[in-house]
Every structure is written in C-alpha cells, then in structure tokens.
Amino acid sequence: MSAPRDPEELEATATVLVHELAPSTTVGPVELTVSDLERSLDYYRRAIGLDLLERAAGRASLGTGGRELVALVEERGSRSAPGATGLYHLALLVPERVDLARWLAHAARDRVPLVGLSDHFVSEALYLSDPDRHGIEIYRDRPRGVWEGKVGSRLTTMPLDVDDLLGSLDDPSAEPFHGLAAGTRMGHVHLKVSSIPETLRFYRDALGFGLMAQLGGQAAFLSAGGYHHHIGANTWESAGGAPAPPGSAALRHATIVLPDAGERERAVQRLEHAGASIEERGGAPAVSDPSGNTLVLAVS
C-alpha cells in the first residue's frame, strides 16, 4: 500500500501501558548528515527560521533562544536512501497558535514549499522536506485538557483549517516574521523503522516509554508523562528495511533528555538488561534501536 502523506494519516488505537521513564522526559536535538552545508544553512535559517548558534569543521548547530534544536554535519555527495530506516521527520513545537500562524504566513509570502497541512486533533501541523529530503514538521499543541486520555481513540488526520489559523493574525500578508519563536523546542521525533513489534520491545519494554497509540503493524506513538507522543515510528516506507548505507544524507542521532543522571542511569540499566549495546557519543551514553536509529541519552 502507498505511504500516508504525513505521520498521523490514519486513525489509531492503543492500550496505554505503564511506563518507567520519568514523566518529565523530553526530546532534544536531532543531528543530520547533509550533502551541502551552505545550502542547508540557508534553508534552515531562511525558510524554517532557526538561528545559527555555532559553526566549525563542517558542522553547524541551529536553534532558537540559544537552545540547540538541529545539528547539521556535511558529507559532500551524500544522498537520501529511499526504503532505508531513519528519520521520517523531526518536529519543531512552537509555543502558541499565533506562532504557527506567523510561520504559515511567512511560508505563503516567501513561497516556502509545504508537503502537508494537517489537523491531528492533538495538534495542528505543517510539513516540509529539506534539500536532502529530511522531513520536518512545525506544529502547535492543542491544550492538554482537550486530548489527554483520548490519544488512542482520537489521533487522526483531518484537513487543516488554514483560514481559521491565519485568522488569528491581523493581516497575514503584512505579518512580520523574524524566525521561529524563542520558546520553540523539539516536540517529537518520528522514525522510519523496519518492524513495529521490535520497535515496541525496544522503546516501550526496554527504554520505558508508554504506548499512546498504535496502527497495527504500521505505526506506533510513544511518550513519557502522558504526552501524545515523543517518539513516532512507522513502516510505511521501510518495512523490513536496513539503515541507510555509508555516504547517505541520513539521521545521525536523535536525543532523549532525561531529568537527571539517576534517571538516565536507570534507563541505561533497563536497556542493558534487554541486551542493548551502550556506546558513548559526545560524552553521553548512546544506543541504537533495532532499526539502527541512534539515540543519545542526555540530561536536562
């Protein structure tokens, strides 16, 4: 079957399980390989609205309000790897609905191509693809009271009411855009995986995320603290697939941010007990899921 246009295209159901990760666990920076750093920097700064925080030796760090959200590492000649596991999209969560409206007005005015605009009941979301075909979501959450306890039965995709969203601005055509709001953070990461059962055994049973919604063997959405999802996983393009080969423009790692060193150590112990191999990356423990997607375990 053909893949959905965006990550929550079909309705999902779930039985929420007890999770062991601390409720305040979140998602942190995502690091990507890109084929042309100058081109990517222009895109992430001009089109997405991120600030350049640091640049050195073929690597650049971007974010908002001084917080790193995306890191880009240049590997000239790298290409996307269709059918491989890896990043489906990274998801930038803006603080307020008006911030999403300002970004959409900017995209319309400055002709930033979109690949989707969706209402997922839990959120309103805009989808893009960067020059190396890395997926990007920019979204805002509806108030938690609207969707809490209903994710499994209500997570879906409906057309986004663009007129209503832009109606939160006085004049969309003249609304200034100075980049993404300072409070923007990495809301979730959606991964391409080879198998949903294997993915659940890793993220739910070993790492300790709670299962919030599942679409059979096609997709699963997991979180800490009852959030609608910090991790999305699907097999729409990657069922039975392998990680991208060397020389690919691909996910280098995502980051799970735990509240303290003790919580991180408990997570590491659960992973090791499940047979996962822990390595070190940048002074922090790192682990790869069964599909080869690497996670760095950081502390806030």
C-alpha atoms as a PDB file:
ATOM      1  CA  MET A   1       0.000   0.000   0.000  1.00  0.00           C
ATOM      2  CA  SER A   2       1.159   3.560  -0.545  1.00  0.00           C
ATOM      3  CA  ALA A   3       2.517   5.563   2.367  1.00  0.00           C
ATOM      4  CA  PRO A   4       0.381   8.251   4.006  1.00  0.00           C
ATOM      5  CA  ARG A   5       1.253  11.866   3.252  1.00  0.00           C
ATOM      6  CA  ASP A   6       2.163  12.621   6.841  1.00  0.00           C
ATOM      7  CA  PRO A   7       2.778  10.714  10.058  1.00  0.00           C
ATOM      8  CA  GLU A   8      -0.674  10.528  11.613  1.00  0.00           C
ATOM      9  CA  GLU A   9      -2.627   9.956   8.411  1.00  0.00           C
ATOM     10  CA  LEU A  10      -4.744   7.089   9.682  1.00  0.00           C
ATOM     11  CA  GLU A  11      -6.736   6.709  12.875  1.00  0.00           C
ATOM     12  CA  ALA A  12      -5.006   4.786  15.628  1.00  0.00           C
ATOM     13  CA  THR A  13      -5.939   2.865  18.733  1.00  0.00           C
ATOM     14  CA  ALA A  14      -3.985   1.876  21.815  1.00  0.00           C
ATOM     15  CA  THR A  15      -3.990   0.490  25.295  1.00  0.00           C
ATOM     16  CA  VAL A  16      -1.805   2.824  27.345  1.00  0.00           C
ATOM     17  CA  LEU A  17       0.764   0.817  29.294  1.00  0.00           C
ATOM     18  CA  VAL A  18       2.599   1.663  32.500  1.00  0.00           C
ATOM     19  CA  HIS A  19       5.819   3.418  31.577  1.00  0.00           C
ATOM     20  CA  GLU A  20       9.055   3.654  33.517  1.00  0.00           C
ATOM     21  CA  LEU A  21      10.630   6.793  32.068  1.00  0.00           C
ATOM     22  CA  ALA A  22      10.346   9.906  34.238  1.00  0.00           C
ATOM     23  CA  PRO A  23       7.258  11.950  33.264  1.00  0.00           C
ATOM     24  CA  SER A  24       9.437  14.998  32.543  1.00  0.00           C
ATOM     25  CA  THR A  25      11.463  13.150  29.875  1.00  0.00           C
ATOM     26  CA  THR A  26      11.532  15.068  26.593  1.00  0.00           C
ATOM     27  CA  VAL A  27      13.173  15.010  23.164  1.00  0.00           C
ATOM     28  CA  GLY A  28      16.261  17.069  22.380  1.00  0.00           C
ATOM     29  CA  PRO A  29      18.405  17.979  19.365  1.00  0.00           C
ATOM     30  CA  VAL A  30      18.451  15.953  16.159  1.00  0.00           C
ATOM     31  CA  GLU A  31      21.697  15.606  14.197  1.00  0.00           C
ATOM     32  CA  LEU A  32      21.595  15.044  10.437  1.00  0.00           C
ATOM     33  CA  THR A  33      24.061  14.416   7.629  1.00  0.00           C
ATOM     34  CA  VAL A  34      23.640  16.870   4.753  1.00  0.00           C
ATOM     35  CA  SER A  35      25.269  16.994   1.354  1.00  0.00           C
ATOM     36  CA  ASP A  36      25.837  20.770   1.154  1.00  0.00           C
ATOM     37  CA  LEU A  37      26.129  22.659   4.425  1.00  0.00           C
ATOM     38  CA  GLU A  38      25.782  26.126   2.874  1.00  0.00           C
ATOM     39  CA  ARG A  39      22.589  25.125   1.089  1.00  0.00           C
ATOM     40  CA  SER A  40      21.150  23.549   4.224  1.00  0.00           C
ATOM     41  CA  LEU A  41      22.053  26.508   6.408  1.00  0.00           C
ATOM     42  CA  ASP A  42      20.286  28.838   4.012  1.00  0.00           C
ATOM     43  CA  TYR A  43      17.195  26.638   4.145  1.00  0.00           C
ATOM     44  CA  TYR A  44      17.061  26.155   7.916  1.00  0.00           C
ATOM     45  CA  ARG A  45      17.705  29.848   8.573  1.00  0.00           C
ATOM     46  CA  ARG A  46      15.675  31.497   5.828  1.00  0.00           C
ATOM     47  CA  ALA A  47      12.816  29.043   5.288  1.00  0.00           C
ATOM     48  CA  ILE A  48      12.476  27.384   8.716  1.00  0.00           C
ATOM     49  CA  GLY A  49      13.543  30.356  10.814  1.00  0.00           C
ATOM     50  CA  LEU A  50      16.235  28.846  13.049  1.00  0.00           C
ATOM     51  CA  ASP A  51      19.238  30.814  14.314  1.00  0.00           C
ATOM     52  CA  LEU A  52      22.809  29.733  13.651  1.00  0.00           C
ATOM     53  CA  LEU A  53      24.309  29.055  17.078  1.00  0.00           C
ATOM     54  CA  GLU A  54      27.730  27.661  16.186  1.00  0.00           C
ATOM     55  CA  ARG A  55      29.679  26.526  13.175  1.00  0.00           C
ATOM     56  CA  ALA A  56      33.015  24.715  12.947  1.00  0.00           C
ATOM     57  CA  ALA A  57      34.727  21.996  10.879  1.00  0.00           C
ATOM     58  CA  GLY A  58      31.811  21.060   8.653  1.00  0.00           C
ATOM     59  CA  ARG A  59      29.229  21.057  11.449  1.00  0.00           C
ATOM     60  CA  ALA A  60      26.630  23.679  12.307  1.00  0.00           C
ATOM     61  CA  SER A  61      24.278  23.995  15.260  1.00  0.00           C
ATOM     62  CA  LEU A  62      20.929  25.766  14.908  1.00  0.00           C
ATOM     63  CA  GLY A  63      18.128  26.581  17.318  1.00  0.00           C
ATOM     64  CA  THR A  64      16.068  29.290  18.968  1.00  0.00           C
ATOM     65  CA  GLY A  65      16.648  31.345  22.093  1.00  0.00           C
ATOM     66  CA  GLY A  66      20.126  29.860  22.405  1.00  0.00           C
ATOM     67  CA  ARG A  67      18.775  26.273  22.585  1.00  0.00           C
ATOM     68  CA  GLU A  68      20.165  23.797  20.042  1.00  0.00           C
ATOM     69  CA  LEU A  69      17.440  22.003  18.095  1.00  0.00           C
ATOM     70  CA  VAL A  70      19.128  20.773  14.907  1.00  0.00           C
ATOM     71  CA  ALA A  71      22.746  19.971  14.093  1.00  0.00           C
ATOM     72  CA  LEU A  72      23.957  19.537  10.521  1.00  0.00           C
ATOM     73  CA  VAL A  73      27.108  17.652   9.547  1.00  0.00           C
ATOM     74  CA  GLU A  74      28.330  17.967   5.964  1.00  0.00           C
ATOM     75  CA  GLU A  75      29.278  14.936   3.922  1.00  0.00           C
ATOM     76  CA  ARG A  76      29.704  16.109   0.347  1.00  0.00           C
ATOM     77  CA  GLY A  77      27.947  13.954  -2.209  1.00  0.00           C
ATOM     78  CA  SER A  78      25.690  12.214   0.315  1.00  0.00           C
ATOM     79  CA  ARG A  79      22.234  11.271  -0.900  1.00  0.00           C
ATOM     80  CA  SER A  80      18.949  10.205   0.628  1.00  0.00           C
ATOM     81  CA  ALA A  81      18.336   6.457   0.868  1.00  0.00           C
ATOM     82  CA  PRO A  82      14.758   5.523  -0.110  1.00  0.00           C
ATOM     83  CA  GLY A  83      13.457   2.441   1.678  1.00  0.00           C
ATOM     84  CA  ALA A  84      16.007   2.677   4.486  1.00  0.00           C
ATOM     85  CA  THR A  85      15.187   3.134   8.134  1.00  0.00           C
ATOM     86  CA  GLY A  86      15.987   6.505   9.694  1.00  0.00           C
ATOM     87  CA  LEU A  87      14.277   9.853  10.109  1.00  0.00           C
ATOM     88  CA  TYR A  88      10.696  10.292   8.949  1.00  0.00           C
ATOM     89  CA  HIS A  89      10.585  13.796  10.371  1.00  0.00           C
ATOM     90  CA  LEU A  90      11.787  15.954  13.224  1.00  0.00           C
ATOM     91  CA  ALA A  91       9.032  18.023  14.810  1.00  0.00           C
ATOM     92  CA  LEU A  92       9.509  21.604  15.993  1.00  0.00           C
ATOM     93  CA  LEU A  93       6.882  22.594  18.570  1.00  0.00           C
ATOM     94  CA  VAL A  94       6.054  26.299  18.692  1.00  0.00           C
ATOM     95  CA  PRO A  95       4.709  27.792  21.941  1.00  0.00           C
ATOM     96  CA  GLU A  96       1.459  29.375  20.731  1.00  0.00           C
ATOM     97  CA  ARG A  97      -1.027  29.065  17.899  1.00  0.00           C
ATOM     98  CA  VAL A  98      -0.193  32.580  16.715  1.00  0.00           C
ATOM     99  CA  ASP A  99       3.438  31.451  16.266  1.00  0.00           C
ATOM    100  CA  LEU A 100       2.263  28.726  13.872  1.00  0.00           C
ATOM    101  CA  ALA A 101       0.090  31.268  12.048  1.00  0.00           C
ATOM    102  CA  ARG A 102       3.042  33.640  11.665  1.00  0.00           C
ATOM    103  CA  TRP A 103       5.160  30.844  10.251  1.00  0.00           C
ATOM    104  CA  LEU A 104       2.454  29.847   7.763  1.00  0.00           C
ATOM    105  CA  ALA A 105       2.018  33.466   6.660  1.00  0.00           C
ATOM    106  CA  HIS A 106       5.773  33.633   6.097  1.00  0.00           C
ATOM    107  CA  ALA A 107       5.684  30.404   4.069  1.00  0.00           C
ATOM    108  CA  ALA A 108       2.888  31.721   1.876  1.00  0.00           C
ATOM    109  CA  ARG A 109       4.531  35.102   1.381  1.00  0.00           C
ATOM    110  CA  ASP A 110       8.048  33.753   0.780  1.00  0.00           C
ATOM    111  CA  ARG A 111       6.940  30.687  -1.191  1.00  0.00           C
ATOM    112  CA  VAL A 112       8.320  28.029   1.111  1.00  0.00           C
ATOM    113  CA  PRO A 113       7.093  24.685  -0.312  1.00  0.00           C
ATOM    114  CA  LEU A 114       4.981  22.534   2.001  1.00  0.00           C
ATOM    115  CA  VAL A 115       4.210  18.825   1.682  1.00  0.00           C
ATOM    116  CA  GLY A 116       1.234  18.742   4.058  1.00  0.00           C
ATOM    117  CA  LEU A 117      -1.068  20.726   6.358  1.00  0.00           C
ATOM    118  CA  SER A 118      -2.978  18.661   8.906  1.00  0.00           C
ATOM    119  CA  ASP A 119      -5.191  18.791  11.957  1.00  0.00           C
ATOM    120  CA  HIS A 120      -4.409  15.786  14.173  1.00  0.00           C
ATOM    121  CA  PHE A 121      -6.908  16.634  16.958  1.00  0.00           C
ATOM    122  CA  VAL A 122      -3.996  16.799  19.420  1.00  0.00           C
ATOM    123  CA  SER A 123      -2.203  19.386  17.295  1.00  0.00           C
ATOM    124  CA  GLU A 124      -2.145  21.490  14.138  1.00  0.00           C
ATOM    125  CA  ALA A 125       0.809  20.698  11.913  1.00  0.00           C
ATOM    126  CA  LEU A 126       2.681  21.830   8.814  1.00  0.00           C
ATOM    127  CA  TYR A 127       5.069  19.510   6.934  1.00  0.00           C
ATOM    128  CA  LEU A 128       8.142  20.235   4.835  1.00  0.00           C
ATOM    129  CA  SER A 129      11.117  18.471   3.303  1.00  0.00           C
ATOM    130  CA  ASP A 130      14.612  19.974   3.397  1.00  0.00           C
ATOM    131  CA  PRO A 131      17.035  19.957   0.426  1.00  0.00           C
ATOM    132  CA  ASP A 132      18.275  16.462   1.413  1.00  0.00           C
ATOM    133  CA  ARG A 133      14.701  15.164   1.848  1.00  0.00           C
ATOM    134  CA  HIS A 134      14.842  15.138   5.641  1.00  0.00           C
ATOM    135  CA  GLY A 135      11.274  15.526   6.870  1.00  0.00           C
ATOM    136  CA  ILE A 136      10.326  18.475   9.088  1.00  0.00           C
ATOM    137  CA  GLU A 137       7.131  19.179  10.997  1.00  0.00           C
ATOM    138  CA  ILE A 138       6.280  22.552  12.550  1.00  0.00           C
ATOM    139  CA  TYR A 139       3.328  22.279  14.903  1.00  0.00           C
ATOM    140  CA  ARG A 140       1.460  23.600  17.902  1.00  0.00           C
ATOM    141  CA  ASP A 141      -0.298  21.532  20.522  1.00  0.00           C
ATOM    142  CA  ARG A 142      -3.897  21.985  21.471  1.00  0.00           C
ATOM    143  CA  PRO A 143      -4.345  22.403  25.245  1.00  0.00           C
ATOM    144  CA  ARG A 144      -3.637  19.147  27.048  1.00  0.00           C
ATOM    145  CA  GLY A 145      -7.121  19.099  28.540  1.00  0.00           C
ATOM    146  CA  VAL A 146      -8.565  18.720  25.031  1.00  0.00           C
ATOM    147  CA  TRP A 147      -6.775  15.454  24.218  1.00  0.00           C
ATOM    148  CA  GLU A 148      -5.471  13.911  27.432  1.00  0.00           C
ATOM    149  CA  GLY A 149      -6.741  10.360  27.787  1.00  0.00           C
ATOM    150  CA  LYS A 150      -8.081  10.391  24.222  1.00  0.00           C
ATOM    151  CA  VAL A 151      -4.937   9.964  22.128  1.00  0.00           C
ATOM    152  CA  GLY A 152      -5.535   6.316  21.298  1.00  0.00           C
ATOM    153  CA  SER A 153      -9.070   6.927  20.078  1.00  0.00           C
ATOM    154  CA  ARG A 154      -8.765  10.409  18.559  1.00  0.00           C
ATOM    155  CA  LEU A 155      -5.300  10.702  16.971  1.00  0.00           C
ATOM    156  CA  THR A 156      -6.108  11.109  13.298  1.00  0.00           C
ATOM    157  CA  THR A 157      -5.645  13.416  10.319  1.00  0.00           C
ATOM    158  CA  MET A 158      -8.116  15.998   9.087  1.00  0.00           C
ATOM    159  CA  PRO A 159      -7.598  18.930   6.724  1.00  0.00           C
ATOM    160  CA  LEU A 160      -6.113  21.928   8.495  1.00  0.00           C
ATOM    161  CA  ASP A 161      -8.428  24.945   8.650  1.00  0.00           C
ATOM    162  CA  VAL A 162      -5.924  27.351   7.138  1.00  0.00           C
ATOM    163  CA  ASP A 163      -8.338  30.298   7.075  1.00  0.00           C
ATOM    164  CA  ASP A 164      -9.062  29.923  10.776  1.00  0.00           C
ATOM    165  CA  LEU A 165      -5.374  29.616  11.605  1.00  0.00           C
ATOM    166  CA  LEU A 166      -4.388  32.685   9.593  1.00  0.00           C
ATOM    167  CA  GLY A 167      -7.412  34.484  11.047  1.00  0.00           C
ATOM    168  CA  SER A 168      -5.538  34.718  14.343  1.00  0.00           C
ATOM    169  CA  LEU A 169      -3.366  37.380  12.671  1.00  0.00           C
ATOM    170  CA  ASP A 170      -4.496  40.947  11.982  1.00  0.00           C
ATOM    171  CA  ASP A 171      -3.077  40.925   8.448  1.00  0.00           C
ATOM    172  CA  PRO A 172      -1.282  37.739   7.326  1.00  0.00           C
ATOM    173  CA  SER A 173       0.162  39.429   4.250  1.00  0.00           C
ATOM    174  CA  ALA A 174       1.939  42.016   6.380  1.00  0.00           C
ATOM    175  CA  GLU A 175       2.700  39.974   9.495  1.00  0.00           C
ATOM    176  CA  PRO A 176       6.440  40.254  10.230  1.00  0.00           C
ATOM    177  CA  PHE A 177       8.468  37.066  10.577  1.00  0.00           C
ATOM    178  CA  HIS A 178      11.732  37.167  12.469  1.00  0.00           C
ATOM    179  CA  GLY A 179      12.232  33.440  12.836  1.00  0.00           C
ATOM    180  CA  LEU A 180      10.694  30.743  14.988  1.00  0.00           C
ATOM    181  CA  ALA A 181       9.617  31.846  18.463  1.00  0.00           C
ATOM    182  CA  ALA A 182      12.295  31.690  21.167  1.00  0.00           C
ATOM    183  CA  GLY A 183      10.320  29.060  23.082  1.00  0.00           C
ATOM    184  CA  THR A 184      10.293  26.591  20.178  1.00  0.00           C
ATOM    185  CA  ARG A 185      11.568  23.141  21.145  1.00  0.00           C
ATOM    186  CA  MET A 186      11.867  19.655  19.688  1.00  0.00           C
ATOM    187  CA  GLY A 187       8.424  18.239  20.390  1.00  0.00           C
ATOM    188  CA  HIS A 188       8.885  14.756  18.971  1.00  0.00           C
ATOM    189  CA  VAL A 189      10.858  12.677  16.509  1.00  0.00           C
ATOM    190  CA  HIS A 190       9.176  10.356  14.027  1.00  0.00           C
ATOM    191  CA  LEU A 191      11.283   7.438  12.794  1.00  0.00           C
ATOM    192  CA  LYS A 192      11.203   5.017   9.897  1.00  0.00           C
ATOM    193  CA  VAL A 193      11.566   1.514  11.328  1.00  0.00           C
ATOM    194  CA  SER A 194      11.718  -1.997   9.948  1.00  0.00           C
ATOM    195  CA  SER A 195       9.234  -3.629  12.369  1.00  0.00           C
ATOM    196  CA  ILE A 196       6.668  -2.271  14.822  1.00  0.00           C
ATOM    197  CA  PRO A 197       6.818  -5.286  17.224  1.00  0.00           C
ATOM    198  CA  GLU A 198      10.610  -4.929  17.515  1.00  0.00           C
ATOM    199  CA  THR A 199      10.231  -1.185  17.959  1.00  0.00           C
ATOM    200  CA  LEU A 200       7.751  -1.643  20.805  1.00  0.00           C
ATOM    201  CA  ARG A 201      10.008  -4.131  22.551  1.00  0.00           C
ATOM    202  CA  PHE A 202      12.780  -1.535  22.485  1.00  0.00           C
ATOM    203  CA  TYR A 203      11.002   1.774  23.175  1.00  0.00           C
ATOM    204  CA  ARG A 204       8.227   0.511  25.435  1.00  0.00           C
ATOM    205  CA  ASP A 205       9.506  -2.637  27.122  1.00  0.00           C
ATOM    206  CA  ALA A 206      13.215  -1.752  27.439  1.00  0.00           C
ATOM    207  CA  LEU A 207      13.571   2.036  27.387  1.00  0.00           C
ATOM    208  CA  GLY A 208      10.282   2.655  29.197  1.00  0.00           C
ATOM    209  CA  PHE A 209       8.114   4.896  27.014  1.00  0.00           C
ATOM    210  CA  GLY A 210       4.361   4.449  27.276  1.00  0.00           C
ATOM    211  CA  LEU A 211       2.419   3.309  24.217  1.00  0.00           C
ATOM    212  CA  MET A 212      -0.131   6.001  23.428  1.00  0.00           C
ATOM    213  CA  ALA A 213      -1.499   4.824  20.073  1.00  0.00           C
ATOM    214  CA  GLN A 214      -0.843   2.072  17.563  1.00  0.00           C
ATOM    215  CA  LEU A 215      -1.913   1.437  13.999  1.00  0.00           C
ATOM    216  CA  GLY A 216      -1.499  -2.326  13.816  1.00  0.00           C
ATOM    217  CA  GLY A 217       1.865  -3.290  12.375  1.00  0.00           C
ATOM    218  CA  GLN A 218       2.210   0.026  10.536  1.00  0.00           C
ATOM    219  CA  ALA A 219       2.818   2.684  13.174  1.00  0.00           C
ATOM    220  CA  ALA A 220       3.146   3.360  16.893  1.00  0.00           C
ATOM    221  CA  PHE A 221       3.263   6.510  19.007  1.00  0.00           C
ATOM    222  CA  LEU A 222       5.001   6.521  22.397  1.00  0.00           C
ATOM    223  CA  SER A 223       5.628   9.073  25.109  1.00  0.00           C
ATOM    224  CA  ALA A 224       6.656   9.878  28.648  1.00  0.00           C
ATOM    225  CA  GLY A 225       4.339  11.601  31.087  1.00  0.00           C
ATOM    226  CA  GLY A 226       1.172  11.088  29.030  1.00  0.00           C
ATOM    227  CA  TYR A 227       2.192  13.401  26.166  1.00  0.00           C
ATOM    228  CA  HIS A 228       0.562  12.434  22.859  1.00  0.00           C
ATOM    229  CA  HIS A 229       3.920  11.274  21.513  1.00  0.00           C
ATOM    230  CA  HIS A 230       7.612  11.934  21.867  1.00  0.00           C
ATOM    231  CA  ILE A 231       8.502   9.074  19.516  1.00  0.00           C
ATOM    232  CA  GLY A 232       6.607   8.125  16.376  1.00  0.00           C
ATOM    233  CA  ALA A 233       7.562   5.065  14.360  1.00  0.00           C
ATOM    234  CA  ASN A 234       6.225   3.701  11.097  1.00  0.00           C
ATOM    235  CA  THR A 235       6.969   1.085   8.435  1.00  0.00           C
ATOM    236  CA  TRP A 236       5.195   2.837   5.557  1.00  0.00           C
ATOM    237  CA  GLU A 237       8.417   3.271   3.572  1.00  0.00           C
ATOM    238  CA  SER A 238      10.786   0.993   5.471  1.00  0.00           C
ATOM    239  CA  ALA A 239       9.152  -2.353   6.371  1.00  0.00           C
ATOM    240  CA  GLY A 240      11.940  -4.913   6.632  1.00  0.00           C
ATOM    241  CA  GLY A 241      14.447  -2.234   5.705  1.00  0.00           C
ATOM    242  CA  ALA A 242      18.018  -1.676   6.846  1.00  0.00           C
ATOM    243  CA  PRO A 243      19.757   1.530   7.953  1.00  0.00           C
ATOM    244  CA  ALA A 244      20.945   3.931   5.277  1.00  0.00           C
ATOM    245  CA  PRO A 245      24.361   2.912   3.896  1.00  0.00           C
ATOM    246  CA  PRO A 246      27.513   4.971   4.477  1.00  0.00           C
ATOM    247  CA  GLY A 247      27.550   8.098   2.361  1.00  0.00           C
ATOM    248  CA  SER A 248      23.831   8.788   2.873  1.00  0.00           C
ATOM    249  CA  ALA A 249      22.175  12.019   3.933  1.00  0.00           C
ATOM    250  CA  ALA A 250      20.529  10.494   6.971  1.00  0.00           C
ATOM    251  CA  LEU A 251      19.782  10.690  10.662  1.00  0.00           C
ATOM    252  CA  ARG A 252      22.960  10.650  12.742  1.00  0.00           C
ATOM    253  CA  HIS A 253      21.158  10.646  16.070  1.00  0.00           C
ATOM    254  CA  ALA A 254      18.145  11.881  17.979  1.00  0.00           C
ATOM    255  CA  THR A 255      18.302  12.868  21.651  1.00  0.00           C
ATOM    256  CA  ILE A 256      16.241  11.717  24.624  1.00  0.00           C
ATOM    257  CA  VAL A 257      16.525  14.197  27.506  1.00  0.00           C
ATOM    258  CA  LEU A 258      16.071  12.757  30.997  1.00  0.00           C
ATOM    259  CA  PRO A 259      15.642  14.962  34.068  1.00  0.00           C
ATOM    260  CA  ASP A 260      18.796  13.872  35.923  1.00  0.00           C
ATOM    261  CA  ALA A 261      21.749  11.493  35.920  1.00  0.00           C
ATOM    262  CA  GLY A 262      19.946   8.989  38.125  1.00  0.00           C
ATOM    263  CA  GLU A 263      17.035   8.638  35.705  1.00  0.00           C
ATOM    264  CA  ARG A 264      19.494   8.253  32.853  1.00  0.00           C
ATOM    265  CA  GLU A 265      21.396   5.511  34.646  1.00  0.00           C
ATOM    266  CA  ARG A 266      18.164   3.625  35.330  1.00  0.00           C
ATOM    267  CA  ALA A 267      17.278   3.871  31.637  1.00  0.00           C
ATOM    268  CA  VAL A 268      20.741   2.603  30.672  1.00  0.00           C
ATOM    269  CA  GLN A 269      20.373  -0.333  33.067  1.00  0.00           C
ATOM    270  CA  ARG A 270      16.999  -1.292  31.581  1.00  0.00           C
ATOM    271  CA  LEU A 271      18.469  -1.159  28.079  1.00  0.00           C
ATOM    272  CA  GLU A 272      21.481  -3.259  29.052  1.00  0.00           C
ATOM    273  CA  HIS A 273      19.224  -5.773  30.778  1.00  0.00           C
ATOM    274  CA  ALA A 274      17.312  -6.058  27.494  1.00  0.00           C
ATOM    275  CA  GLY A 275      20.557  -6.799  25.643  1.00  0.00           C
ATOM    276  CA  ALA A 276      21.152  -3.380  24.080  1.00  0.00           C
ATOM    277  CA  SER A 277      24.728  -2.232  23.498  1.00  0.00           C
ATOM    278  CA  ILE A 278      25.556   1.147  25.066  1.00  0.00           C
ATOM    279  CA  GLU A 279      28.221   3.322  23.467  1.00  0.00           C
ATOM    280  CA  GLU A 280      29.426   6.852  24.116  1.00  0.00           C
ATOM    281  CA  ARG A 281      28.778   9.793  21.855  1.00  0.00           C
ATOM    282  CA  GLY A 282      29.896  13.283  22.813  1.00  0.00           C
ATOM    283  CA  GLY A 283      30.355  12.278  26.443  1.00  0.00           C
ATOM    284  CA  ALA A 284      26.856  10.799  26.779  1.00  0.00           C
ATOM    285  CA  PRO A 285      25.587   7.208  26.524  1.00  0.00           C
ATOM    286  CA  ALA A 286      24.085   6.302  23.163  1.00  0.00           C
ATOM    287  CA  VAL A 287      22.116   3.300  21.950  1.00  0.00           C
ATOM    288  CA  SER A 288      20.701   2.180  18.612  1.00  0.00           C
ATOM    289  CA  ASP A 289      17.186   0.810  18.267  1.00  0.00           C
ATOM    290  CA  PRO A 290      16.559  -2.452  16.331  1.00  0.00           C
ATOM    291  CA  SER A 291      16.238  -0.440  13.112  1.00  0.00           C
ATOM    292  CA  GLY A 292      19.620   1.230  13.556  1.00  0.00           C
ATOM    293  CA  ASN A 293      18.299   4.628  14.706  1.00  0.00           C
ATOM    294  CA  THR A 294      20.752   6.058  17.242  1.00  0.00           C
ATOM    295  CA  LEU A 295      19.582   7.811  20.420  1.00  0.00           C
ATOM    296  CA  VAL A 296      21.821   9.896  22.658  1.00  0.00           C
ATOM    297  CA  LEU A 297      20.653   9.867  26.290  1.00  0.00           C
ATOM    298  CA  ALA A 298      21.172  13.366  27.690  1.00  0.00           C
ATOM    299  CA  VAL A 299      20.191  15.065  30.945  1.00  0.00           C
ATOM    300  CA  SER A 300      18.473  18.417  31.288  1.00  0.00           C
END
